[in-house]
Amino acid sequence: MTTTEERRRNLIWGRETLEELAQDSVVPPEWRTEAAALYAGYPALERLQDSDDGDLSRLQEEHMQILLAAKWLFMQVQHHASSTEQRKYSLRVVLRHFV
């Protein structure tokens, strides 16, 4: 079972991952653009950090489209030929308790 702290941590890591992908020249340009757009609509770091269990559930419902799109992007990048083993592992960790 996923704890609130695990969900919060992975959502924060997801935010950080989108920021990294948006700036990574190895990632295809359309994915960089998508990562930047998703990052812009992603919940603010402060809100993620300050959310208790109920707030975190509401936050996930409120941002479900963005979170699902981010999850899909992470899965695509994870399986892309240009992804390093480190990136694949990092994405596997992020996705473990993501949405």
PDB file of N, CA and C in Angstrom:
ATOM      1  N   MET A   1       0.839  -1.176   0.000  1.00  0.00           N
ATOM      2  CA  MET A   1       0.000   0.000   0.000  1.00  0.00           C
ATOM      3  C   MET A   1       0.889   1.246   0.000  1.00  0.00           C
ATOM      4  N   THR A   2       0.504   2.238  -0.764  1.00  0.00           N
ATOM      5  CA  THR A   2       1.267   3.472  -0.878  1.00  0.00           C
ATOM      6  C   THR A   2       0.893   4.426   0.251  1.00  0.00           C
ATOM      7  N   THR A   3       1.892   4.943   0.929  1.00  0.00           N
ATOM      8  CA  THR A   3       1.641   5.905   2.003  1.00  0.00           C
ATOM      9  C   THR A   3       1.557   7.319   1.426  1.00  0.00           C
ATOM     10  N   THR A   4       1.033   8.228   2.224  1.00  0.00           N
ATOM     11  CA  THR A   4       0.954   9.630   1.809  1.00  0.00           C
ATOM     12  C   THR A   4       2.346  10.171   1.511  1.00  0.00           C
ATOM     13  N   GLU A   5       3.297   9.837   2.351  1.00  0.00           N
ATOM     14  CA  GLU A   5       4.665  10.330   2.153  1.00  0.00           C
ATOM     15  C   GLU A   5       5.265   9.796   0.851  1.00  0.00           C
ATOM     16  N   GLU A   6       5.007   8.542   0.509  1.00  0.00           N
ATOM     17  CA  GLU A   6       5.504   7.980  -0.757  1.00  0.00           C
ATOM     18  C   GLU A   6       4.873   8.690  -1.949  1.00  0.00           C
ATOM     19  N   ARG A   7       3.564   8.923  -1.885  1.00  0.00           N
ATOM     20  CA  ARG A   7       2.897   9.632  -2.989  1.00  0.00           C
ATOM     21  C   ARG A   7       3.443  11.042  -3.125  1.00  0.00           C
ATOM     22  N   ARG A   8       3.566  11.743  -2.002  1.00  0.00           N
ATOM     23  CA  ARG A   8       4.075  13.118  -2.024  1.00  0.00           C
ATOM     24  C   ARG A   8       5.482  13.150  -2.629  1.00  0.00           C
ATOM     25  N   ARG A   9       6.342  12.268  -2.140  1.00  0.00           N
ATOM     26  CA  ARG A   9       7.727  12.221  -2.618  1.00  0.00           C
ATOM     27  C   ARG A   9       7.775  11.975  -4.130  1.00  0.00           C
ATOM     28  N   ASN A  10       6.981  11.023  -4.616  1.00  0.00           N
ATOM     29  CA  ASN A  10       7.016  10.702  -6.040  1.00  0.00           C
ATOM     30  C   ASN A  10       6.410  11.807  -6.891  1.00  0.00           C
ATOM     31  N   LEU A  11       5.412  12.503  -6.367  1.00  0.00           N
ATOM     32  CA  LEU A  11       4.866  13.646  -7.099  1.00  0.00           C
ATOM     33  C   LEU A  11       5.900  14.767  -7.186  1.00  0.00           C
ATOM     34  N   ILE A  12       6.653  14.974  -6.126  1.00  0.00           N
ATOM     35  CA  ILE A  12       7.723  15.976  -6.150  1.00  0.00           C
ATOM     36  C   ILE A  12       8.805  15.549  -7.135  1.00  0.00           C
ATOM     37  N   TRP A  13       9.189  14.281  -7.098  1.00  0.00           N
ATOM     38  CA  TRP A  13      10.178  13.789  -8.054  1.00  0.00           C
ATOM     39  C   TRP A  13       9.659  13.903  -9.486  1.00  0.00           C
ATOM     40  N   GLY A  14       8.364  13.682  -9.685  1.00  0.00           N
ATOM     41  CA  GLY A  14       7.778  13.837 -11.014  1.00  0.00           C
ATOM     42  C   GLY A  14       7.918  15.257 -11.514  1.00  0.00           C
ATOM     43  N   ARG A  15       7.680  16.222 -10.629  1.00  0.00           N
ATOM     44  CA  ARG A  15       7.839  17.640 -10.982  1.00  0.00           C
ATOM     45  C   ARG A  15       9.286  17.924 -11.391  1.00  0.00           C
ATOM     46  N   GLU A  16      10.228  17.432 -10.591  1.00  0.00           N
ATOM     47  CA  GLU A  16      11.648  17.631 -10.891  1.00  0.00           C
ATOM     48  C   GLU A  16      12.033  16.964 -12.213  1.00  0.00           C
ATOM     49  N   THR A  17      11.474  15.798 -12.472  1.00  0.00           N
ATOM     50  CA  THR A  17      11.777  15.067 -13.702  1.00  0.00           C
ATOM     51  C   THR A  17      11.270  15.822 -14.923  1.00  0.00           C
ATOM     52  N   LEU A  18      10.078  16.399 -14.835  1.00  0.00           N
ATOM     53  CA  LEU A  18       9.560  17.194 -15.955  1.00  0.00           C
ATOM     54  C   LEU A  18      10.476  18.376 -16.246  1.00  0.00           C
ATOM     55  N   GLU A  19      10.945  19.027 -15.196  1.00  0.00           N
ATOM     56  CA  GLU A  19      11.852  20.163 -15.375  1.00  0.00           C
ATOM     57  C   GLU A  19      13.139  19.717 -16.070  1.00  0.00           C
ATOM     58  N   GLU A  20      13.690  18.582 -15.655  1.00  0.00           N
ATOM     59  CA  GLU A  20      14.904  18.047 -16.279  1.00  0.00           C
ATOM     60  C   GLU A  20      14.669  17.681 -17.743  1.00  0.00           C
ATOM     61  N   LEU A  21      13.562  16.994 -18.019  1.00  0.00           N
ATOM     62  CA  LEU A  21      13.268  16.576 -19.393  1.00  0.00           C
ATOM     63  C   LEU A  21      13.088  17.775 -20.315  1.00  0.00           C
ATOM     64  N   ALA A  22      12.493  18.843 -19.803  1.00  0.00           N
ATOM     65  CA  ALA A  22      12.252  20.036 -20.617  1.00  0.00           C
ATOM     66  C   ALA A  22      13.555  20.687 -21.072  1.00  0.00           C
ATOM     67  N   GLN A  23      14.651  20.404 -20.372  1.00  0.00           N
ATOM     68  CA  GLN A  23      15.938  21.035 -20.680  1.00  0.00           C
ATOM     69  C   GLN A  23      16.969  20.064 -21.260  1.00  0.00           C
ATOM     70  N   ASP A  24      16.598  18.815 -21.449  1.00  0.00           N
ATOM     71  CA  ASP A  24      17.544  17.777 -21.870  1.00  0.00           C
ATOM     72  C   ASP A  24      17.594  17.682 -23.394  1.00  0.00           C
ATOM     73  N   SER A  25      18.734  18.021 -23.972  1.00  0.00           N
ATOM     74  CA  SER A  25      18.861  18.023 -25.436  1.00  0.00           C
ATOM     75  C   SER A  25      18.860  16.621 -26.039  1.00  0.00           C
ATOM     76  N   VAL A  26      19.022  15.581 -25.228  1.00  0.00           N
ATOM     77  CA  VAL A  26      18.989  14.204 -25.731  1.00  0.00           C
ATOM     78  C   VAL A  26      17.548  13.755 -25.989  1.00  0.00           C
ATOM     79  N   VAL A  27      16.619  14.324 -25.258  1.00  0.00           N
ATOM     80  CA  VAL A  27      15.200  13.981 -25.402  1.00  0.00           C
ATOM     81  C   VAL A  27      14.678  14.606 -26.696  1.00  0.00           C
ATOM     82  N   PRO A  28      13.851  13.895 -27.470  1.00  0.00           N
ATOM     83  CA  PRO A  28      13.287  14.474 -28.691  1.00  0.00           C
ATOM     84  C   PRO A  28      12.598  15.819 -28.406  1.00  0.00           C
ATOM     85  N   PRO A  29      12.716  16.776 -29.332  1.00  0.00           N
ATOM     86  CA  PRO A  29      12.183  18.126 -29.106  1.00  0.00           C
ATOM     87  C   PRO A  29      10.701  18.156 -28.717  1.00  0.00           C
ATOM     88  N   GLU A  30       9.893  17.290 -29.316  1.00  0.00           N
ATOM     89  CA  GLU A  30       8.462  17.303 -28.986  1.00  0.00           C
ATOM     90  C   GLU A  30       8.222  16.864 -27.541  1.00  0.00           C
ATOM     91  N   TRP A  31       9.063  16.002 -27.030  1.00  0.00           N
ATOM     92  CA  TRP A  31       8.934  15.584 -25.627  1.00  0.00           C
ATOM     93  C   TRP A  31       9.417  16.691 -24.691  1.00  0.00           C
ATOM     94  N   ARG A  32      10.459  17.428 -25.105  1.00  0.00           N
ATOM     95  CA  ARG A  32      10.910  18.571 -24.292  1.00  0.00           C
ATOM     96  C   ARG A  32       9.801  19.602 -24.189  1.00  0.00           C
ATOM     97  N   THR A  33       9.149  19.866 -25.316  1.00  0.00           N
ATOM     98  CA  THR A  33       8.043  20.824 -25.329  1.00  0.00           C
ATOM     99  C   THR A  33       6.904  20.340 -24.449  1.00  0.00           C
ATOM    100  N   GLU A  34       6.567  19.065 -24.559  1.00  0.00           N
ATOM    101  CA  GLU A  34       5.498  18.501 -23.735  1.00  0.00           C
ATOM    102  C   GLU A  34       5.867  18.554 -22.255  1.00  0.00           C
ATOM    103  N   ALA A  35       7.098  18.218 -21.925  1.00  0.00           N
ATOM    104  CA  ALA A  35       7.544  18.259 -20.525  1.00  0.00           C
ATOM    105  C   ALA A  35       7.443  19.677 -19.971  1.00  0.00           C
ATOM    106  N   ALA A  36       7.823  20.672 -20.762  1.00  0.00           N
ATOM    107  CA  ALA A  36       7.739  22.067 -20.312  1.00  0.00           C
ATOM    108  C   ALA A  36       6.288  22.479 -20.080  1.00  0.00           C
ATOM    109  N   ALA A  37       5.399  22.076 -20.976  1.00  0.00           N
ATOM    110  CA  ALA A  37       3.980  22.414 -20.824  1.00  0.00           C
ATOM    111  C   ALA A  37       3.385  21.726 -19.598  1.00  0.00           C
ATOM    112  N   LEU A  38       3.730  20.469 -19.384  1.00  0.00           N
ATOM    113  CA  LEU A  38       3.229  19.745 -18.212  1.00  0.00           C
ATOM    114  C   LEU A  38       3.787  20.351 -16.926  1.00  0.00           C
ATOM    115  N   TYR A  39       5.042  20.722 -16.939  1.00  0.00           N
ATOM    116  CA  TYR A  39       5.664  21.350 -15.773  1.00  0.00           C
ATOM    117  C   TYR A  39       4.944  22.651 -15.414  1.00  0.00           C
ATOM    118  N   ALA A  40       4.579  23.420 -16.431  1.00  0.00           N
ATOM    119  CA  ALA A  40       3.889  24.696 -16.196  1.00  0.00           C
ATOM    120  C   ALA A  40       2.532  24.495 -15.524  1.00  0.00           C
ATOM    121  N   GLY A  41       1.863  23.381 -15.807  1.00  0.00           N
ATOM    122  CA  GLY A  41       0.556  23.122 -15.220  1.00  0.00           C
ATOM    123  C   GLY A  41       0.582  22.223 -13.998  1.00  0.00           C
ATOM    124  N   TYR A  42       1.772  21.777 -13.619  1.00  0.00           N
ATOM    125  CA  TYR A  42       1.949  20.835 -12.508  1.00  0.00           C
ATOM    126  C   TYR A  42       1.719  21.553 -11.178  1.00  0.00           C
ATOM    127  N   PRO A  43       1.263  20.832 -10.164  1.00  0.00           N
ATOM    128  CA  PRO A  43       1.077  21.467  -8.854  1.00  0.00           C
ATOM    129  C   PRO A  43       2.378  22.105  -8.352  1.00  0.00           C
ATOM    130  N   ALA A  44       2.242  23.244  -7.698  1.00  0.00           N
ATOM    131  CA  ALA A  44       3.401  23.955  -7.162  1.00  0.00           C
ATOM    132  C   ALA A  44       4.096  23.118  -6.093  1.00  0.00           C
ATOM    133  N   LEU A  45       5.407  23.259  -6.016  1.00  0.00           N
ATOM    134  CA  LEU A  45       6.199  22.502  -5.052  1.00  0.00           C
ATOM    135  C   LEU A  45       5.712  22.742  -3.622  1.00  0.00           C
ATOM    136  N   GLU A  46       5.435  23.989  -3.282  1.00  0.00           N
ATOM    137  CA  GLU A  46       4.981  24.313  -1.930  1.00  0.00           C
ATOM    138  C   GLU A  46       3.675  23.599  -1.604  1.00  0.00           C
ATOM    139  N   ARG A  47       2.793  23.532  -2.571  1.00  0.00           N
ATOM    140  CA  ARG A  47       1.511  22.859  -2.340  1.00  0.00           C
ATOM    141  C   ARG A  47       1.722  21.360  -2.129  1.00  0.00           C
ATOM    142  N   LEU A  48       2.609  20.777  -2.890  1.00  0.00           N
ATOM    143  CA  LEU A  48       2.913  19.355  -2.712  1.00  0.00           C
ATOM    144  C   LEU A  48       3.517  19.103  -1.331  1.00  0.00           C
ATOM    145  N   GLN A  49       4.454  19.944  -0.940  1.00  0.00           N
ATOM    146  CA  GLN A  49       5.128  19.764   0.346  1.00  0.00           C
ATOM    147  C   GLN A  49       4.188  19.944   1.530  1.00  0.00           C
ATOM    148  N   ASP A  50       3.219  20.843   1.403  1.00  0.00           N
ATOM    149  CA  ASP A  50       2.335  21.187   2.522  1.00  0.00           C
ATOM    150  C   ASP A  50       1.065  20.356   2.589  1.00  0.00           C
ATOM    151  N   SER A  51       0.858  19.439   1.663  1.00  0.00           N
ATOM    152  CA  SER A  51      -0.393  18.675   1.597  1.00  0.00           C
ATOM    153  C   SER A  51      -0.405  17.522   2.589  1.00  0.00           C
ATOM    154  N   ASP A  52      -1.512  17.436   3.346  1.00  0.00           N
ATOM    155  CA  ASP A  52      -1.709  16.238   4.164  1.00  0.00           C
ATOM    156  C   ASP A  52      -2.428  15.211   3.291  1.00  0.00           C
ATOM    157  N   ASP A  53      -2.841  14.094   3.860  1.00  0.00           N
ATOM    158  CA  ASP A  53      -3.436  13.010   3.073  1.00  0.00           C
ATOM    159  C   ASP A  53      -4.650  13.472   2.280  1.00  0.00           C
ATOM    160  N   GLY A  54      -5.575  14.176   2.936  1.00  0.00           N
ATOM    161  CA  GLY A  54      -6.777  14.646   2.246  1.00  0.00           C
ATOM    162  C   GLY A  54      -6.462  15.666   1.175  1.00  0.00           C
ATOM    163  N   ASP A  55      -5.557  16.600   1.501  1.00  0.00           N
ATOM    164  CA  ASP A  55      -5.160  17.617   0.527  1.00  0.00           C
ATOM    165  C   ASP A  55      -4.472  16.984  -0.678  1.00  0.00           C
ATOM    166  N   LEU A  56      -3.646  15.988  -0.424  1.00  0.00           N
ATOM    167  CA  LEU A  56      -2.923  15.329  -1.508  1.00  0.00           C
ATOM    168  C   LEU A  56      -3.886  14.597  -2.438  1.00  0.00           C
ATOM    169  N   SER A  57      -4.903  13.975  -1.877  1.00  0.00           N
ATOM    170  CA  SER A  57      -5.916  13.302  -2.707  1.00  0.00           C
ATOM    171  C   SER A  57      -6.667  14.310  -3.563  1.00  0.00           C
ATOM    172  N   ARG A  58      -7.042  15.440  -2.977  1.00  0.00           N
ATOM    173  CA  ARG A  58      -7.738  16.489  -3.741  1.00  0.00           C
ATOM    174  C   ARG A  58      -6.832  17.064  -4.823  1.00  0.00           C
ATOM    175  N   LEU A  59      -5.581  17.272  -4.466  1.00  0.00           N
ATOM    176  CA  LEU A  59      -4.621  17.800  -5.423  1.00  0.00           C
ATOM    177  C   LEU A  59      -4.488  16.859  -6.618  1.00  0.00           C
ATOM    178  N   GLN A  60      -4.405  15.550  -6.348  1.00  0.00           N
ATOM    179  CA  GLN A  60      -4.300  14.574  -7.434  1.00  0.00           C
ATOM    180  C   GLN A  60      -5.556  14.578  -8.302  1.00  0.00           C
ATOM    181  N   GLU A  61      -6.723  14.698  -7.696  1.00  0.00           N
ATOM    182  CA  GLU A  61      -7.958  14.762  -8.482  1.00  0.00           C
ATOM    183  C   GLU A  61      -7.986  16.024  -9.329  1.00  0.00           C
ATOM    184  N   GLU A  62      -7.606  17.132  -8.742  1.00  0.00           N
ATOM    185  CA  GLU A  62      -7.618  18.425  -9.429  1.00  0.00           C
ATOM    186  C   GLU A  62      -6.665  18.449 -10.628  1.00  0.00           C
ATOM    187  N   HIS A  63      -5.554  17.772 -10.517  1.00  0.00           N
ATOM    188  CA  HIS A  63      -4.520  17.794 -11.562  1.00  0.00           C
ATOM    189  C   HIS A  63      -4.403  16.459 -12.299  1.00  0.00           C
ATOM    190  N   MET A  64      -5.455  15.660 -12.271  1.00  0.00           N
ATOM    191  CA  MET A  64      -5.390  14.305 -12.817  1.00  0.00           C
ATOM    192  C   MET A  64      -4.943  14.274 -14.279  1.00  0.00           C
ATOM    193  N   GLN A  65      -5.460  15.168 -15.117  1.00  0.00           N
ATOM    194  CA  GLN A  65      -5.078  15.144 -16.540  1.00  0.00           C
ATOM    195  C   GLN A  65      -3.579  15.368 -16.710  1.00  0.00           C
ATOM    196  N   ILE A  66      -3.043  16.327 -15.991  1.00  0.00           N
ATOM    197  CA  ILE A  66      -1.610  16.621 -16.087  1.00  0.00           C
ATOM    198  C   ILE A  66      -0.794  15.444 -15.559  1.00  0.00           C
ATOM    199  N   LEU A  67      -1.219  14.883 -14.436  1.00  0.00           N
ATOM    200  CA  LEU A  67      -0.478  13.772 -13.839  1.00  0.00           C
ATOM    201  C   LEU A  67      -0.491  12.540 -14.742  1.00  0.00           C
ATOM    202  N   LEU A  68      -1.629  12.262 -15.351  1.00  0.00           N
ATOM    203  CA  LEU A  68      -1.699  11.114 -16.265  1.00  0.00           C
ATOM    204  C   LEU A  68      -0.861  11.352 -17.518  1.00  0.00           C
ATOM    205  N   ALA A  69      -0.886  12.590 -18.027  1.00  0.00           N
ATOM    206  CA  ALA A  69      -0.061  12.914 -19.197  1.00  0.00           C
ATOM    207  C   ALA A  69       1.424  12.808 -18.844  1.00  0.00           C
ATOM    208  N   ALA A  70       1.794  13.248 -17.643  1.00  0.00           N
ATOM    209  CA  ALA A  70       3.187  13.134 -17.199  1.00  0.00           C
ATOM    210  C   ALA A  70       3.581  11.666 -17.071  1.00  0.00           C
ATOM    211  N   LYS A  71       2.691  10.864 -16.513  1.00  0.00           N
ATOM    212  CA  LYS A  71       2.971   9.430 -16.372  1.00  0.00           C
ATOM    213  C   LYS A  71       3.208   8.798 -17.743  1.00  0.00           C
ATOM    214  N   TRP A  72       2.366   9.132 -18.700  1.00  0.00           N
ATOM    215  CA  TRP A  72       2.512   8.600 -20.053  1.00  0.00           C
ATOM    216  C   TRP A  72       3.850   9.039 -20.658  1.00  0.00           C
ATOM    217  N   LEU A  73       4.208  10.314 -20.491  1.00  0.00           N
ATOM    218  CA  LEU A  73       5.486  10.807 -21.005  1.00  0.00           C
ATOM    219  C   LEU A  73       6.649  10.071 -20.340  1.00  0.00           C
ATOM    220  N   PHE A  74       6.582   9.890 -19.032  1.00  0.00           N
ATOM    221  CA  PHE A  74       7.647   9.175 -18.318  1.00  0.00           C
ATOM    222  C   PHE A  74       7.801   7.753 -18.858  1.00  0.00           C
ATOM    223  N   MET A  75       6.699   7.096 -19.132  1.00  0.00           N
ATOM    224  CA  MET A  75       6.760   5.722 -19.654  1.00  0.00           C
ATOM    225  C   MET A  75       7.374   5.706 -21.051  1.00  0.00           C
ATOM    226  N   GLN A  76       7.043   6.693 -21.881  1.00  0.00           N
ATOM    227  CA  GLN A  76       7.628   6.765 -23.219  1.00  0.00           C
ATOM    228  C   GLN A  76       9.137   6.990 -23.141  1.00  0.00           C
ATOM    229  N   VAL A  77       9.544   7.947 -22.321  1.00  0.00           N
ATOM    230  CA  VAL A  77      10.966   8.258 -22.184  1.00  0.00           C
ATOM    231  C   VAL A  77      11.717   7.058 -21.614  1.00  0.00           C
ATOM    232  N   GLN A  78      11.115   6.388 -20.654  1.00  0.00           N
ATOM    233  CA  GLN A  78      11.747   5.234 -20.013  1.00  0.00           C
ATOM    234  C   GLN A  78      12.105   4.153 -21.031  1.00  0.00           C
ATOM    235  N   HIS A  79      11.298   3.994 -22.047  1.00  0.00           N
ATOM    236  CA  HIS A  79      11.508   2.930 -23.031  1.00  0.00           C
ATOM    237  C   HIS A  79      12.156   3.426 -24.327  1.00  0.00           C
ATOM    238  N   HIS A  80      12.546   4.687 -24.369  1.00  0.00           N
ATOM    239  CA  HIS A  80      13.164   5.249 -25.563  1.00  0.00           C
ATOM    240  C   HIS A  80      14.634   4.831 -25.641  1.00  0.00           C
ATOM    241  N   ALA A  81      15.098   4.618 -26.848  1.00  0.00           N
ATOM    242  CA  ALA A  81      16.477   4.150 -27.067  1.00  0.00           C
ATOM    243  C   ALA A  81      17.527   5.112 -26.513  1.00  0.00           C
ATOM    244  N   SER A  82      17.221   6.402 -26.454  1.00  0.00           N
ATOM    245  CA  SER A  82      18.204   7.380 -25.981  1.00  0.00           C
ATOM    246  C   SER A  82      18.323   7.428 -24.458  1.00  0.00           C
ATOM    247  N   SER A  83      17.431   6.767 -23.752  1.00  0.00           N
ATOM    248  CA  SER A  83      17.456   6.818 -22.286  1.00  0.00           C
ATOM    249  C   SER A  83      18.597   5.972 -21.727  1.00  0.00           C
ATOM    250  N   THR A  84      19.339   6.580 -20.830  1.00  0.00           N
ATOM    251  CA  THR A  84      20.422   5.860 -20.159  1.00  0.00           C
ATOM    252  C   THR A  84      19.827   4.912 -19.120  1.00  0.00           C
ATOM    253  N   GLU A  85      20.642   3.995 -18.660  1.00  0.00           N
ATOM    254  CA  GLU A  85      20.183   3.082 -17.606  1.00  0.00           C
ATOM    255  C   GLU A  85      19.810   3.859 -16.347  1.00  0.00           C
ATOM    256  N   GLN A  86      20.560   4.920 -16.051  1.00  0.00           N
ATOM    257  CA  GLN A  86      20.249   5.745 -14.878  1.00  0.00           C
ATOM    258  C   GLN A  86      18.881   6.403 -15.019  1.00  0.00           C
ATOM    259  N   ARG A  87      18.605   6.946 -16.211  1.00  0.00           N
ATOM    260  CA  ARG A  87      17.300   7.582 -16.421  1.00  0.00           C
ATOM    261  C   ARG A  87      16.178   6.549 -16.327  1.00  0.00           C
ATOM    262  N   LYS A  88      16.379   5.386 -16.928  1.00  0.00           N
ATOM    263  CA  LYS A  88      15.362   4.329 -16.862  1.00  0.00           C
ATOM    264  C   LYS A  88      15.075   3.956 -15.417  1.00  0.00           C
ATOM    265  N   TYR A  89      16.137   3.822 -14.629  1.00  0.00           N
ATOM    266  CA  TYR A  89      15.962   3.483 -13.218  1.00  0.00           C
ATOM    267  C   TYR A  89      15.235   4.610 -12.478  1.00  0.00           C
ATOM    268  N   SER A  90      15.651   5.845 -12.709  1.00  0.00           N
ATOM    269  CA  SER A  90      15.016   6.992 -12.045  1.00  0.00           C
ATOM    270  C   SER A  90      13.530   7.063 -12.368  1.00  0.00           C
ATOM    271  N   LEU A  91      13.190   6.851 -13.615  1.00  0.00           N
ATOM    272  CA  LEU A  91      11.778   6.889 -14.005  1.00  0.00           C
ATOM    273  C   LEU A  91      11.005   5.725 -13.396  1.00  0.00           C
ATOM    274  N   ARG A  92      11.628   4.582 -13.302  1.00  0.00           N
ATOM    275  CA  ARG A  92      10.983   3.436 -12.653  1.00  0.00           C
ATOM    276  C   ARG A  92      10.655   3.776 -11.191  1.00  0.00           C
ATOM    277  N   VAL A  93      11.578   4.444 -10.520  1.00  0.00           N
ATOM    278  CA  VAL A  93      11.362   4.851  -9.128  1.00  0.00           C
ATOM    279  C   VAL A  93      10.248   5.892  -9.040  1.00  0.00           C
ATOM    280  N   VAL A  94      10.278   6.887  -9.912  1.00  0.00           N
ATOM    281  CA  VAL A  94       9.239   7.929  -9.908  1.00  0.00           C
ATOM    282  C   VAL A  94       7.865   7.315 -10.152  1.00  0.00           C
ATOM    283  N   LEU A  95       7.790   6.402 -11.084  1.00  0.00           N
ATOM    284  CA  LEU A  95       6.497   5.818 -11.456  1.00  0.00           C
ATOM    285  C   LEU A  95       5.942   4.854 -10.406  1.00  0.00           C
ATOM    286  N   ARG A  96       6.766   4.379  -9.503  1.00  0.00           N
ATOM    287  CA  ARG A  96       6.343   3.365  -8.536  1.00  0.00           C
ATOM    288  C   ARG A  96       5.098   3.780  -7.740  1.00  0.00           C
ATOM    289  N   HIS A  97       5.043   5.000  -7.256  1.00  0.00           N
ATOM    290  CA  HIS A  97       3.904   5.464  -6.459  1.00  0.00           C
ATOM    291  C   HIS A  97       3.300   6.730  -7.061  1.00  0.00           C
ATOM    292  N   PHE A  98       3.456   6.939  -8.358  1.00  0.00           N
ATOM    293  CA  PHE A  98       3.119   8.234  -8.965  1.00  0.00           C
ATOM    294  C   PHE A  98       1.627   8.519  -8.972  1.00  0.00           C
ATOM    295  N   VAL A  99       0.864   7.812  -9.762  1.00  0.00           N
ATOM    296  CA  VAL A  99      -0.597   8.041  -9.841  1.00  0.00           C
ATOM    297  C   VAL A  99      -1.276   6.698  -9.920  1.00  0.00           C
TER     298      VAL A  99
END
